Amino acid sequence: MKKSDLTYKRSFFYSFGILCLAVILSNCVWKPEKVGNEKLIVCTTTIIGDAVKLLVKDKFEVLTLMGAGVDPHMYEAKPSDVRALGNARVIIYNGLHLEGKMTDLFERMNDEKDIIAFSNGMEAKRLIKLNAHSKDPHVWFDPILWLQGIKECATQLSIIFPREKEFILGNYAKIESDLLNLHSTITESLNEIPKEQRVMITSHDAFHYFGKAFNLEVLAIQGVSTVSEPGLKDVSNLVNLIVKRKIKAIFVESSVSSKSITAVIEGCKSKGQVVKIGGTMYSDALGDKKSGADTYLGMMERNVKTLVNALKSR
């Protein structure tokens, strides 16, 4: 067989597979079996996956659909994801439409699978409303709120796997201690930044829970989702604010294009204001192992260190 023919056939079957997947996700024709692999737990994002791995350790297989640096707002499911969901004993997701179209699929699979939404355990009054129908899904940036989600997950897993209840709840107790310590450490670290400089500007609105939890002003070029591109007016308004308040640094995100941030920096430069990139923030996904942000605790500590180094007085 010619190489060109082989390439064509591979391309055809790949395209056909994606088409079938699109039909599955839009029409929910696929009917997963009630029970797949008894030891398989499938999580959507790396941040959720990290929490679940701490709860169940090596007693279960934990598979994460989205890898390091992947933007969940823009994520498109692959055929391998469908297979994983079909094999899973438990599926765990954010619960606040972070995963876009996949959310509808999870809700429709509820009769066939044990499905856990992290947000179900969170106090409604602590959730940030975007409009009458939706809430900000970036809940992990408030460690106390995230802990509530982990507790809900631990409770549900203990019901699904009653023999492992003591083990799972014991692991939760360790997580609780770590996150309460994290909250205190972040508060102390941010005190190094002068109050007038406690302004965090990033690519998209992922950090409002962080700002609310730690008394930090948070601004962004894009909205909560990265699906739509920011307009010229959004960039212009932010440039004017930065120049007026003499803000020293803004931040790029590991899972979001830096194009809009570059436009803001150029806009400030044209007005005589030098603004630097303060570093990379991890927002919707953890980093790889080399980054030091490959766990939730590591990500939060890395973000705070980057923020403090860029904004504190020198």
C-alpha atoms as a PDB file:
ATOM      1  CA  MET A   1       0.000   0.000   0.000  1.00  0.00           C
ATOM      2  CA  LYS A   2       1.284   3.449  -0.874  1.00  0.00           C
ATOM      3  CA  LYS A   3       2.173   5.787   1.966  1.00  0.00           C
ATOM      4  CA  SER A   4      -0.276   8.379   0.611  1.00  0.00           C
ATOM      5  CA  ASP A   5      -3.089   5.792   0.595  1.00  0.00           C
ATOM      6  CA  LEU A   6      -2.301   4.780   4.165  1.00  0.00           C
ATOM      7  CA  THR A   7      -2.285   8.404   5.288  1.00  0.00           C
ATOM      8  CA  TYR A   8      -5.616   8.971   3.555  1.00  0.00           C
ATOM      9  CA  LYS A   9      -7.195   5.946   5.248  1.00  0.00           C
ATOM     10  CA  ARG A  10      -5.948   7.003   8.664  1.00  0.00           C
ATOM     11  CA  SER A  11      -7.312  10.496   8.094  1.00  0.00           C
ATOM     12  CA  PHE A  12     -10.654   9.086   6.973  1.00  0.00           C
ATOM     13  CA  PHE A  13     -11.105   6.822   9.998  1.00  0.00           C
ATOM     14  CA  TYR A  14     -10.001   9.567  12.403  1.00  0.00           C
ATOM     15  CA  SER A  15     -12.504  12.007  10.873  1.00  0.00           C
ATOM     16  CA  PHE A  16     -15.204   9.344  10.971  1.00  0.00           C
ATOM     17  CA  GLY A  17     -14.497   8.698  14.646  1.00  0.00           C
ATOM     18  CA  ILE A  18     -14.751  12.381  15.503  1.00  0.00           C
ATOM     19  CA  LEU A  19     -18.040  12.610  13.594  1.00  0.00           C
ATOM     20  CA  CYS A  20     -19.454   9.671  15.538  1.00  0.00           C
ATOM     21  CA  LEU A  21     -18.335  11.276  18.785  1.00  0.00           C
ATOM     22  CA  ALA A  22     -20.068  14.524  17.863  1.00  0.00           C
ATOM     23  CA  VAL A  23     -23.302  12.623  17.311  1.00  0.00           C
ATOM     24  CA  ILE A  24     -22.885  10.853  20.637  1.00  0.00           C
ATOM     25  CA  LEU A  25     -22.297  14.048  22.591  1.00  0.00           C
ATOM     26  CA  SER A  26     -25.080  16.014  20.923  1.00  0.00           C
ATOM     27  CA  ASN A  27     -27.795  13.341  20.845  1.00  0.00           C
ATOM     28  CA  CYS A  28     -26.675  11.075  23.692  1.00  0.00           C
ATOM     29  CA  VAL A  29     -27.359   7.939  21.638  1.00  0.00           C
ATOM     30  CA  TRP A  30     -24.685   6.111  23.587  1.00  0.00           C
ATOM     31  CA  LYS A  31     -26.004   4.091  26.531  1.00  0.00           C
ATOM     32  CA  PRO A  32     -23.208   3.157  28.936  1.00  0.00           C
ATOM     33  CA  GLU A  33     -23.487   0.036  31.011  1.00  0.00           C
ATOM     34  CA  LYS A  34     -24.436   0.387  34.652  1.00  0.00           C
ATOM     35  CA  VAL A  35     -21.101  -0.868  35.947  1.00  0.00           C
ATOM     36  CA  GLY A  36     -17.758  -0.763  34.131  1.00  0.00           C
ATOM     37  CA  ASN A  37     -14.385  -1.250  35.759  1.00  0.00           C
ATOM     38  CA  GLU A  38     -15.107  -1.390  39.502  1.00  0.00           C
ATOM     39  CA  LYS A  39     -11.762   0.241  40.262  1.00  0.00           C
ATOM     40  CA  LEU A  40     -11.878   3.037  37.651  1.00  0.00           C
ATOM     41  CA  ILE A  41     -12.725   6.620  38.624  1.00  0.00           C
ATOM     42  CA  VAL A  42     -12.759   9.132  35.760  1.00  0.00           C
ATOM     43  CA  CYS A  43     -12.264  12.851  36.515  1.00  0.00           C
ATOM     44  CA  THR A  44     -12.537  15.695  34.040  1.00  0.00           C
ATOM     45  CA  THR A  45      -9.736  18.104  35.049  1.00  0.00           C
ATOM     46  CA  THR A  46      -6.287  17.736  36.588  1.00  0.00           C
ATOM     47  CA  ILE A  47      -7.345  19.782  39.615  1.00  0.00           C
ATOM     48  CA  ILE A  48     -10.266  17.466  40.381  1.00  0.00           C
ATOM     49  CA  GLY A  49      -8.100  14.444  39.623  1.00  0.00           C
ATOM     50  CA  ASP A  50      -5.479  15.583  42.125  1.00  0.00           C
ATOM     51  CA  ALA A  51      -8.060  15.792  44.935  1.00  0.00           C
ATOM     52  CA  VAL A  52      -9.544  12.387  44.100  1.00  0.00           C
ATOM     53  CA  LYS A  53      -6.122  10.718  43.999  1.00  0.00           C
ATOM     54  CA  LEU A  54      -5.436  12.032  47.501  1.00  0.00           C
ATOM     55  CA  LEU A  55      -8.745  10.576  48.694  1.00  0.00           C
ATOM     56  CA  VAL A  56      -8.399   7.088  47.222  1.00  0.00           C
ATOM     57  CA  LYS A  57      -4.608   6.811  46.790  1.00  0.00           C
ATOM     58  CA  ASP A  58      -3.553   3.551  45.105  1.00  0.00           C
ATOM     59  CA  LYS A  59      -6.699   1.581  45.991  1.00  0.00           C
ATOM     60  CA  PHE A  60      -8.400   2.806  42.811  1.00  0.00           C
ATOM     61  CA  GLU A  61      -7.356   3.780  39.312  1.00  0.00           C
ATOM     62  CA  VAL A  62      -7.947   7.503  38.739  1.00  0.00           C
ATOM     63  CA  LEU A  63      -8.015   8.682  35.124  1.00  0.00           C
ATOM     64  CA  THR A  64      -8.123  12.370  34.165  1.00  0.00           C
ATOM     65  CA  LEU A  65      -9.576  13.267  30.763  1.00  0.00           C
ATOM     66  CA  MET A  66      -7.863  16.651  30.406  1.00  0.00           C
ATOM     67  CA  GLY A  67      -4.105  16.867  30.783  1.00  0.00           C
ATOM     68  CA  ALA A  68      -1.749  19.514  32.158  1.00  0.00           C
ATOM     69  CA  GLY A  69      -2.268  22.950  30.651  1.00  0.00           C
ATOM     70  CA  VAL A  70      -5.566  22.043  28.965  1.00  0.00           C
ATOM     71  CA  ASP A  71      -8.311  24.677  28.907  1.00  0.00           C
ATOM     72  CA  PRO A  72     -11.568  22.932  29.981  1.00  0.00           C
ATOM     73  CA  HIS A  73     -13.726  25.717  28.493  1.00  0.00           C
ATOM     74  CA  MET A  74     -12.424  24.873  25.011  1.00  0.00           C
ATOM     75  CA  TYR A  75     -11.997  21.136  25.456  1.00  0.00           C
ATOM     76  CA  GLU A  76     -13.384  18.793  22.811  1.00  0.00           C
ATOM     77  CA  ALA A  77     -13.943  15.196  23.883  1.00  0.00           C
ATOM     78  CA  LYS A  78     -12.030  12.450  22.078  1.00  0.00           C
ATOM     79  CA  PRO A  79     -13.099   8.869  21.253  1.00  0.00           C
ATOM     80  CA  SER A  80     -10.795   7.666  24.042  1.00  0.00           C
ATOM     81  CA  ASP A  81     -12.773   9.814  26.481  1.00  0.00           C
ATOM     82  CA  VAL A  82     -15.998   8.083  25.499  1.00  0.00           C
ATOM     83  CA  ARG A  83     -14.380   4.693  26.074  1.00  0.00           C
ATOM     84  CA  ALA A  84     -13.076   5.805  29.468  1.00  0.00           C
ATOM     85  CA  LEU A  85     -16.482   7.125  30.529  1.00  0.00           C
ATOM     86  CA  GLY A  86     -18.084   3.882  29.406  1.00  0.00           C
ATOM     87  CA  ASN A  87     -15.650   1.823  31.495  1.00  0.00           C
ATOM     88  CA  ALA A  88     -15.790   4.040  34.582  1.00  0.00           C
ATOM     89  CA  ARG A  89     -17.382   2.990  37.857  1.00  0.00           C
ATOM     90  CA  VAL A  90     -17.532   6.635  38.962  1.00  0.00           C
ATOM     91  CA  ILE A  91     -17.372   9.919  37.019  1.00  0.00           C
ATOM     92  CA  ILE A  92     -16.437  13.145  38.823  1.00  0.00           C
ATOM     93  CA  TYR A  93     -16.783  16.633  37.339  1.00  0.00           C
ATOM     94  CA  ASN A  94     -16.953  20.290  38.371  1.00  0.00           C
ATOM     95  CA  GLY A  95     -20.718  20.748  38.322  1.00  0.00           C
ATOM     96  CA  LEU A  96     -20.823  24.434  37.300  1.00  0.00           C
ATOM     97  CA  HIS A  97     -20.540  24.034  33.519  1.00  0.00           C
ATOM     98  CA  LEU A  98     -16.754  24.338  33.519  1.00  0.00           C
ATOM     99  CA  GLU A  99     -16.535  21.485  31.036  1.00  0.00           C
ATOM    100  CA  GLY A 100     -18.908  23.059  28.526  1.00  0.00           C
ATOM    101  CA  LYS A 101     -21.011  20.659  26.449  1.00  0.00           C
ATOM    102  CA  MET A 102     -19.778  17.635  28.391  1.00  0.00           C
ATOM    103  CA  THR A 103     -21.883  18.734  31.367  1.00  0.00           C
ATOM    104  CA  ASP A 104     -25.119  17.779  29.592  1.00  0.00           C
ATOM    105  CA  LEU A 105     -23.688  14.343  28.852  1.00  0.00           C
ATOM    106  CA  PHE A 106     -22.814  13.734  32.505  1.00  0.00           C
ATOM    107  CA  GLU A 107     -26.285  14.749  33.636  1.00  0.00           C
ATOM    108  CA  ARG A 108     -27.919  12.367  31.158  1.00  0.00           C
ATOM    109  CA  MET A 109     -25.640   9.509  32.235  1.00  0.00           C
ATOM    110  CA  ASN A 110     -26.751   9.850  35.837  1.00  0.00           C
ATOM    111  CA  ASP A 111     -29.066   6.799  35.682  1.00  0.00           C
ATOM    112  CA  GLU A 112     -26.302   4.527  34.341  1.00  0.00           C
ATOM    113  CA  LYS A 113     -23.268   5.726  36.312  1.00  0.00           C
ATOM    114  CA  ASP A 114     -22.346   7.002  39.749  1.00  0.00           C
ATOM    115  CA  ILE A 115     -21.641  10.660  38.987  1.00  0.00           C
ATOM    116  CA  ILE A 116     -20.318  13.201  41.487  1.00  0.00           C
ATOM    117  CA  ALA A 117     -20.396  16.977  41.002  1.00  0.00           C
ATOM    118  CA  PHE A 118     -17.896  18.790  43.238  1.00  0.00           C
ATOM    119  CA  SER A 119     -20.094  21.874  43.490  1.00  0.00           C
ATOM    120  CA  ASN A 120     -22.967  19.961  45.131  1.00  0.00           C
ATOM    121  CA  GLY A 121     -21.205  20.174  48.491  1.00  0.00           C
ATOM    122  CA  MET A 122     -20.498  23.897  48.360  1.00  0.00           C
ATOM    123  CA  GLU A 123     -22.406  26.613  50.204  1.00  0.00           C
ATOM    124  CA  ALA A 124     -24.607  28.413  47.688  1.00  0.00           C
ATOM    125  CA  LYS A 125     -23.949  31.787  49.326  1.00  0.00           C
ATOM    126  CA  ARG A 126     -20.205  31.416  48.699  1.00  0.00           C
ATOM    127  CA  LEU A 127     -20.653  30.802  44.970  1.00  0.00           C
ATOM    128  CA  ILE A 128     -20.189  33.828  42.708  1.00  0.00           C
ATOM    129  CA  LYS A 129     -23.180  34.471  40.440  1.00  0.00           C
ATOM    130  CA  LEU A 130     -22.502  35.395  36.821  1.00  0.00           C
ATOM    131  CA  ASN A 131     -26.155  35.811  35.914  1.00  0.00           C
ATOM    132  CA  ALA A 132     -29.552  34.387  36.856  1.00  0.00           C
ATOM    133  CA  HIS A 133     -28.674  30.988  35.397  1.00  0.00           C
ATOM    134  CA  SER A 134     -24.970  30.390  36.007  1.00  0.00           C
ATOM    135  CA  LYS A 135     -22.194  30.659  38.574  1.00  0.00           C
ATOM    136  CA  ASP A 136     -18.434  31.085  38.304  1.00  0.00           C
ATOM    137  CA  PRO A 137     -16.962  27.556  38.058  1.00  0.00           C
ATOM    138  CA  HIS A 138     -13.405  28.423  39.222  1.00  0.00           C
ATOM    139  CA  VAL A 139     -14.220  27.412  42.803  1.00  0.00           C
ATOM    140  CA  TRP A 140     -10.830  25.837  43.600  1.00  0.00           C
ATOM    141  CA  PHE A 141      -9.221  29.243  44.093  1.00  0.00           C
ATOM    142  CA  ASP A 142     -10.975  29.565  47.447  1.00  0.00           C
ATOM    143  CA  PRO A 143      -9.313  26.761  49.490  1.00  0.00           C
ATOM    144  CA  ILE A 144     -12.181  26.658  52.004  1.00  0.00           C
ATOM    145  CA  LEU A 145     -14.804  26.371  49.269  1.00  0.00           C
ATOM    146  CA  TRP A 146     -12.717  23.755  47.472  1.00  0.00           C
ATOM    147  CA  LEU A 147     -12.469  21.813  50.710  1.00  0.00           C
ATOM    148  CA  GLN A 148     -16.270  21.686  50.829  1.00  0.00           C
ATOM    149  CA  GLY A 149     -16.250  20.142  47.368  1.00  0.00           C
ATOM    150  CA  ILE A 150     -13.650  17.583  48.388  1.00  0.00           C
ATOM    151  CA  LYS A 151     -15.716  16.691  51.460  1.00  0.00           C
ATOM    152  CA  GLU A 152     -18.762  16.105  49.244  1.00  0.00           C
ATOM    153  CA  CYS A 153     -16.651  13.903  47.008  1.00  0.00           C
ATOM    154  CA  ALA A 154     -15.305  11.943  49.989  1.00  0.00           C
ATOM    155  CA  THR A 155     -18.817  11.458  51.350  1.00  0.00           C
ATOM    156  CA  GLN A 156     -20.189  10.210  48.038  1.00  0.00           C
ATOM    157  CA  LEU A 157     -17.244   7.882  47.421  1.00  0.00           C
ATOM    158  CA  SER A 158     -17.735   6.450  50.912  1.00  0.00           C
ATOM    159  CA  ILE A 159     -21.341   5.638  50.031  1.00  0.00           C
ATOM    160  CA  ILE A 160     -20.402   4.076  46.696  1.00  0.00           C
ATOM    161  CA  PHE A 161     -17.530   2.106  48.241  1.00  0.00           C
ATOM    162  CA  PRO A 162     -18.664   1.447  51.844  1.00  0.00           C
ATOM    163  CA  ARG A 163     -15.779  -0.939  52.554  1.00  0.00           C
ATOM    164  CA  GLU A 164     -13.339   1.922  51.968  1.00  0.00           C
ATOM    165  CA  LYS A 165     -15.256   4.516  53.995  1.00  0.00           C
ATOM    166  CA  GLU A 166     -12.799   4.717  56.891  1.00  0.00           C
ATOM    167  CA  PHE A 167      -9.843   4.870  54.500  1.00  0.00           C
ATOM    168  CA  ILE A 168     -11.347   7.643  52.346  1.00  0.00           C
ATOM    169  CA  LEU A 169     -12.516   9.776  55.276  1.00  0.00           C
ATOM    170  CA  GLY A 170      -9.123   9.354  56.954  1.00  0.00           C
ATOM    171  CA  ASN A 171      -7.447  10.706  53.819  1.00  0.00           C
ATOM    172  CA  TYR A 172      -9.924  13.592  53.752  1.00  0.00           C
ATOM    173  CA  ALA A 173      -8.878  14.595  57.277  1.00  0.00           C
ATOM    174  CA  LYS A 174      -5.275  15.004  56.047  1.00  0.00           C
ATOM    175  CA  ILE A 175      -6.438  17.076  53.072  1.00  0.00           C
ATOM    176  CA  GLU A 176      -8.519  19.267  55.368  1.00  0.00           C
ATOM    177  CA  SER A 177      -5.494  20.019  57.534  1.00  0.00           C
ATOM    178  CA  ASP A 178      -3.352  20.827  54.495  1.00  0.00           C
ATOM    179  CA  LEU A 179      -5.898  23.197  52.954  1.00  0.00           C
ATOM    180  CA  LEU A 180      -6.540  25.058  56.197  1.00  0.00           C
ATOM    181  CA  ASN A 181      -2.775  25.555  56.533  1.00  0.00           C
ATOM    182  CA  LEU A 182      -2.627  26.662  52.901  1.00  0.00           C
ATOM    183  CA  HIS A 183      -5.273  29.317  53.523  1.00  0.00           C
ATOM    184  CA  SER A 184      -3.270  30.738  56.438  1.00  0.00           C
ATOM    185  CA  THR A 185       0.005  30.666  54.492  1.00  0.00           C
ATOM    186  CA  ILE A 186      -1.491  32.496  51.503  1.00  0.00           C
ATOM    187  CA  THR A 187      -2.933  35.194  53.769  1.00  0.00           C
ATOM    188  CA  GLU A 188       0.480  35.792  55.347  1.00  0.00           C
ATOM    189  CA  SER A 189       2.285  35.833  51.997  1.00  0.00           C
ATOM    190  CA  LEU A 190      -0.068  38.359  50.404  1.00  0.00           C
ATOM    191  CA  ASN A 191       0.538  40.752  53.299  1.00  0.00           C
ATOM    192  CA  GLU A 192       3.935  41.406  51.691  1.00  0.00           C
ATOM    193  CA  ILE A 193       2.166  43.272  48.872  1.00  0.00           C
ATOM    194  CA  PRO A 194       1.262  46.922  49.616  1.00  0.00           C
ATOM    195  CA  LYS A 195      -2.519  47.404  49.666  1.00  0.00           C
ATOM    196  CA  GLU A 196      -2.494  49.812  46.723  1.00  0.00           C
ATOM    197  CA  GLN A 197      -0.642  47.218  44.616  1.00  0.00           C
ATOM    198  CA  ARG A 198      -2.894  44.256  45.407  1.00  0.00           C
ATOM    199  CA  VAL A 199      -4.314  44.106  41.902  1.00  0.00           C
ATOM    200  CA  MET A 200      -4.137  40.886  39.909  1.00  0.00           C
ATOM    201  CA  ILE A 201      -4.676  41.226  36.151  1.00  0.00           C
ATOM    202  CA  THR A 202      -4.842  38.078  34.021  1.00  0.00           C
ATOM    203  CA  SER A 203      -6.092  36.846  30.654  1.00  0.00           C
ATOM    204  CA  HIS A 204      -9.538  35.652  31.767  1.00  0.00           C
ATOM    205  CA  ASP A 205     -11.758  35.848  34.826  1.00  0.00           C
ATOM    206  CA  ALA A 206     -10.572  32.741  36.671  1.00  0.00           C
ATOM    207  CA  PHE A 207      -9.423  34.304  39.940  1.00  0.00           C
ATOM    208  CA  HIS A 208     -12.440  36.048  41.470  1.00  0.00           C
ATOM    209  CA  TYR A 209     -12.805  33.387  44.169  1.00  0.00           C
ATOM    210  CA  PHE A 210      -9.149  33.930  44.984  1.00  0.00           C
ATOM    211  CA  GLY A 211      -9.659  37.679  45.202  1.00  0.00           C
ATOM    212  CA  LYS A 212     -12.751  37.296  47.374  1.00  0.00           C
ATOM    213  CA  ALA A 213     -11.040  34.840  49.720  1.00  0.00           C
ATOM    214  CA  PHE A 214      -7.879  36.905  50.193  1.00  0.00           C
ATOM    215  CA  ASN A 215      -9.027  40.526  49.774  1.00  0.00           C
ATOM    216  CA  LEU A 216      -7.340  41.006  46.411  1.00  0.00           C
ATOM    217  CA  GLU A 217      -8.677  43.030  43.486  1.00  0.00           C
ATOM    218  CA  VAL A 218      -8.923  40.868  40.375  1.00  0.00           C
ATOM    219  CA  LEU A 219      -9.286  42.120  36.795  1.00  0.00           C
ATOM    220  CA  ALA A 220      -9.159  40.333  33.449  1.00  0.00           C
ATOM    221  CA  ILE A 221      -9.375  40.983  29.733  1.00  0.00           C
ATOM    222  CA  GLN A 222     -11.789  38.136  28.989  1.00  0.00           C
ATOM    223  CA  GLY A 223     -14.807  36.902  30.884  1.00  0.00           C
ATOM    224  CA  VAL A 224     -15.138  33.680  32.865  1.00  0.00           C
ATOM    225  CA  SER A 225     -15.075  31.532  29.726  1.00  0.00           C
ATOM    226  CA  THR A 226     -12.288  31.588  27.142  1.00  0.00           C
ATOM    227  CA  VAL A 227     -14.604  30.618  24.291  1.00  0.00           C
ATOM    228  CA  SER A 228     -15.039  34.198  23.020  1.00  0.00           C
ATOM    229  CA  GLU A 229     -12.188  36.543  22.135  1.00  0.00           C
ATOM    230  CA  PRO A 230     -11.859  39.885  23.970  1.00  0.00           C
ATOM    231  CA  GLY A 231     -12.767  42.982  21.939  1.00  0.00           C
ATOM    232  CA  LEU A 232     -10.735  46.123  21.314  1.00  0.00           C
ATOM    233  CA  LYS A 233     -12.865  47.985  23.869  1.00  0.00           C
ATOM    234  CA  ASP A 234     -11.995  45.422  26.554  1.00  0.00           C
ATOM    235  CA  VAL A 235      -8.286  45.890  25.877  1.00  0.00           C
ATOM    236  CA  SER A 236      -8.553  49.689  25.707  1.00  0.00           C
ATOM    237  CA  ASN A 237     -10.457  49.954  28.995  1.00  0.00           C
ATOM    238  CA  LEU A 238      -7.904  47.805  30.787  1.00  0.00           C
ATOM    239  CA  VAL A 239      -4.995  49.795  29.335  1.00  0.00           C
ATOM    240  CA  ASN A 240      -6.510  53.033  30.628  1.00  0.00           C
ATOM    241  CA  LEU A 241      -7.020  51.545  34.090  1.00  0.00           C
ATOM    242  CA  ILE A 242      -3.439  50.243  34.299  1.00  0.00           C
ATOM    243  CA  VAL A 243      -1.993  53.612  33.231  1.00  0.00           C
ATOM    244  CA  LYS A 244      -4.206  55.531  35.645  1.00  0.00           C
ATOM    245  CA  ARG A 245      -3.330  53.352  38.635  1.00  0.00           C
ATOM    246  CA  LYS A 246       0.307  52.766  37.656  1.00  0.00           C
ATOM    247  CA  ILE A 247       0.047  48.999  37.967  1.00  0.00           C
ATOM    248  CA  LYS A 248       3.458  47.342  37.616  1.00  0.00           C
ATOM    249  CA  ALA A 249       2.721  43.842  36.351  1.00  0.00           C
ATOM    250  CA  ILE A 250       0.111  41.648  34.696  1.00  0.00           C
ATOM    251  CA  PHE A 251       0.075  37.874  34.321  1.00  0.00           C
ATOM    252  CA  VAL A 252      -0.280  35.284  31.573  1.00  0.00           C
ATOM    253  CA  GLU A 253      -2.005  31.942  32.125  1.00  0.00           C
ATOM    254  CA  SER A 254      -0.667  28.499  31.370  1.00  0.00           C
ATOM    255  CA  SER A 255      -3.872  27.293  29.675  1.00  0.00           C
ATOM    256  CA  VAL A 256      -4.844  30.510  27.846  1.00  0.00           C
ATOM    257  CA  SER A 257      -3.306  32.316  24.861  1.00  0.00           C
ATOM    258  CA  SER A 258      -1.116  35.282  25.840  1.00  0.00           C
ATOM    259  CA  LYS A 259      -2.128  37.270  22.739  1.00  0.00           C
ATOM    260  CA  SER A 260      -4.519  39.587  24.595  1.00  0.00           C
ATOM    261  CA  ILE A 261      -1.980  40.205  27.381  1.00  0.00           C
ATOM    262  CA  THR A 262       0.592  41.230  24.764  1.00  0.00           C
ATOM    263  CA  ALA A 263      -1.930  43.678  23.298  1.00  0.00           C
ATOM    264  CA  VAL A 264      -2.456  45.265  26.715  1.00  0.00           C
ATOM    265  CA  ILE A 265       1.290  45.650  27.289  1.00  0.00           C
ATOM    266  CA  GLU A 266       1.717  47.295  23.881  1.00  0.00           C
ATOM    267  CA  GLY A 267      -1.233  49.586  24.585  1.00  0.00           C
ATOM    268  CA  CYS A 268       0.300  50.690  27.892  1.00  0.00           C
ATOM    269  CA  LYS A 269       3.653  51.270  26.214  1.00  0.00           C
ATOM    270  CA  SER A 270       2.027  53.577  23.662  1.00  0.00           C
ATOM    271  CA  LYS A 271       0.781  55.681  26.587  1.00  0.00           C
ATOM    272  CA  GLY A 272       4.189  55.806  28.258  1.00  0.00           C
ATOM    273  CA  GLN A 273       3.450  53.159  30.923  1.00  0.00           C
ATOM    274  CA  VAL A 274       5.888  50.265  31.178  1.00  0.00           C
ATOM    275  CA  VAL A 275       4.114  47.110  32.340  1.00  0.00           C
ATOM    276  CA  LYS A 276       5.897  43.798  32.672  1.00  0.00           C
ATOM    277  CA  ILE A 277       4.657  40.240  32.577  1.00  0.00           C
ATOM    278  CA  GLY A 278       4.828  39.210  36.212  1.00  0.00           C
ATOM    279  CA  GLY A 279       4.908  35.515  35.398  1.00  0.00           C
ATOM    280  CA  THR A 280       2.655  32.598  34.513  1.00  0.00           C
ATOM    281  CA  MET A 281      -0.442  31.773  36.529  1.00  0.00           C
ATOM    282  CA  TYR A 282      -1.955  28.316  36.589  1.00  0.00           C
ATOM    283  CA  SER A 283      -5.697  28.773  36.326  1.00  0.00           C
ATOM    284  CA  ASP A 284      -7.877  26.063  34.777  1.00  0.00           C
ATOM    285  CA  ALA A 285      -5.349  23.241  34.882  1.00  0.00           C
ATOM    286  CA  LEU A 286      -2.315  22.074  36.820  1.00  0.00           C
ATOM    287  CA  GLY A 287       1.152  22.236  35.279  1.00  0.00           C
ATOM    288  CA  ASP A 288       3.437  19.388  34.323  1.00  0.00           C
ATOM    289  CA  LYS A 289       5.836  17.799  36.821  1.00  0.00           C
ATOM    290  CA  LYS A 290       8.680  20.140  35.873  1.00  0.00           C
ATOM    291  CA  SER A 291       6.592  23.209  36.724  1.00  0.00           C
ATOM    292  CA  GLY A 292       6.223  22.541  40.438  1.00  0.00           C
ATOM    293  CA  ALA A 293       2.491  23.162  39.904  1.00  0.00           C
ATOM    294  CA  ASP A 294       1.487  19.569  39.211  1.00  0.00           C
ATOM    295  CA  THR A 295      -0.561  19.281  42.421  1.00  0.00           C
ATOM    296  CA  TYR A 296      -3.245  21.567  43.829  1.00  0.00           C
ATOM    297  CA  LEU A 297      -1.059  22.644  46.743  1.00  0.00           C
ATOM    298  CA  GLY A 298       1.906  23.172  44.432  1.00  0.00           C
ATOM    299  CA  MET A 299      -0.173  25.192  41.977  1.00  0.00           C
ATOM    300  CA  MET A 300      -1.556  27.498  44.666  1.00  0.00           C
ATOM    301  CA  GLU A 301       1.856  28.023  46.259  1.00  0.00           C
ATOM    302  CA  ARG A 302       3.447  28.665  42.864  1.00  0.00           C
ATOM    303  CA  ASN A 303       0.771  31.214  41.910  1.00  0.00           C
ATOM    304  CA  VAL A 304       1.098  33.072  45.200  1.00  0.00           C
ATOM    305  CA  LYS A 305       4.887  33.186  44.964  1.00  0.00           C
ATOM    306  CA  THR A 306       4.667  34.557  41.411  1.00  0.00           C
ATOM    307  CA  LEU A 307       2.122  37.172  42.472  1.00  0.00           C
ATOM    308  CA  VAL A 308       4.058  38.364  45.514  1.00  0.00           C
ATOM    309  CA  ASN A 309       7.399  38.545  43.668  1.00  0.00           C
ATOM    310  CA  ALA A 310       5.865  40.669  40.918  1.00  0.00           C
ATOM    311  CA  LEU A 311       3.824  43.083  43.044  1.00  0.00           C
ATOM    312  CA  LYS A 312       5.654  43.605  46.329  1.00  0.00           C
ATOM    313  CA  SER A 313       7.717  46.751  46.837  1.00  0.00           C
ATOM    314  CA  ARG A 314      11.365  46.722  45.873  1.00  0.00           C
END
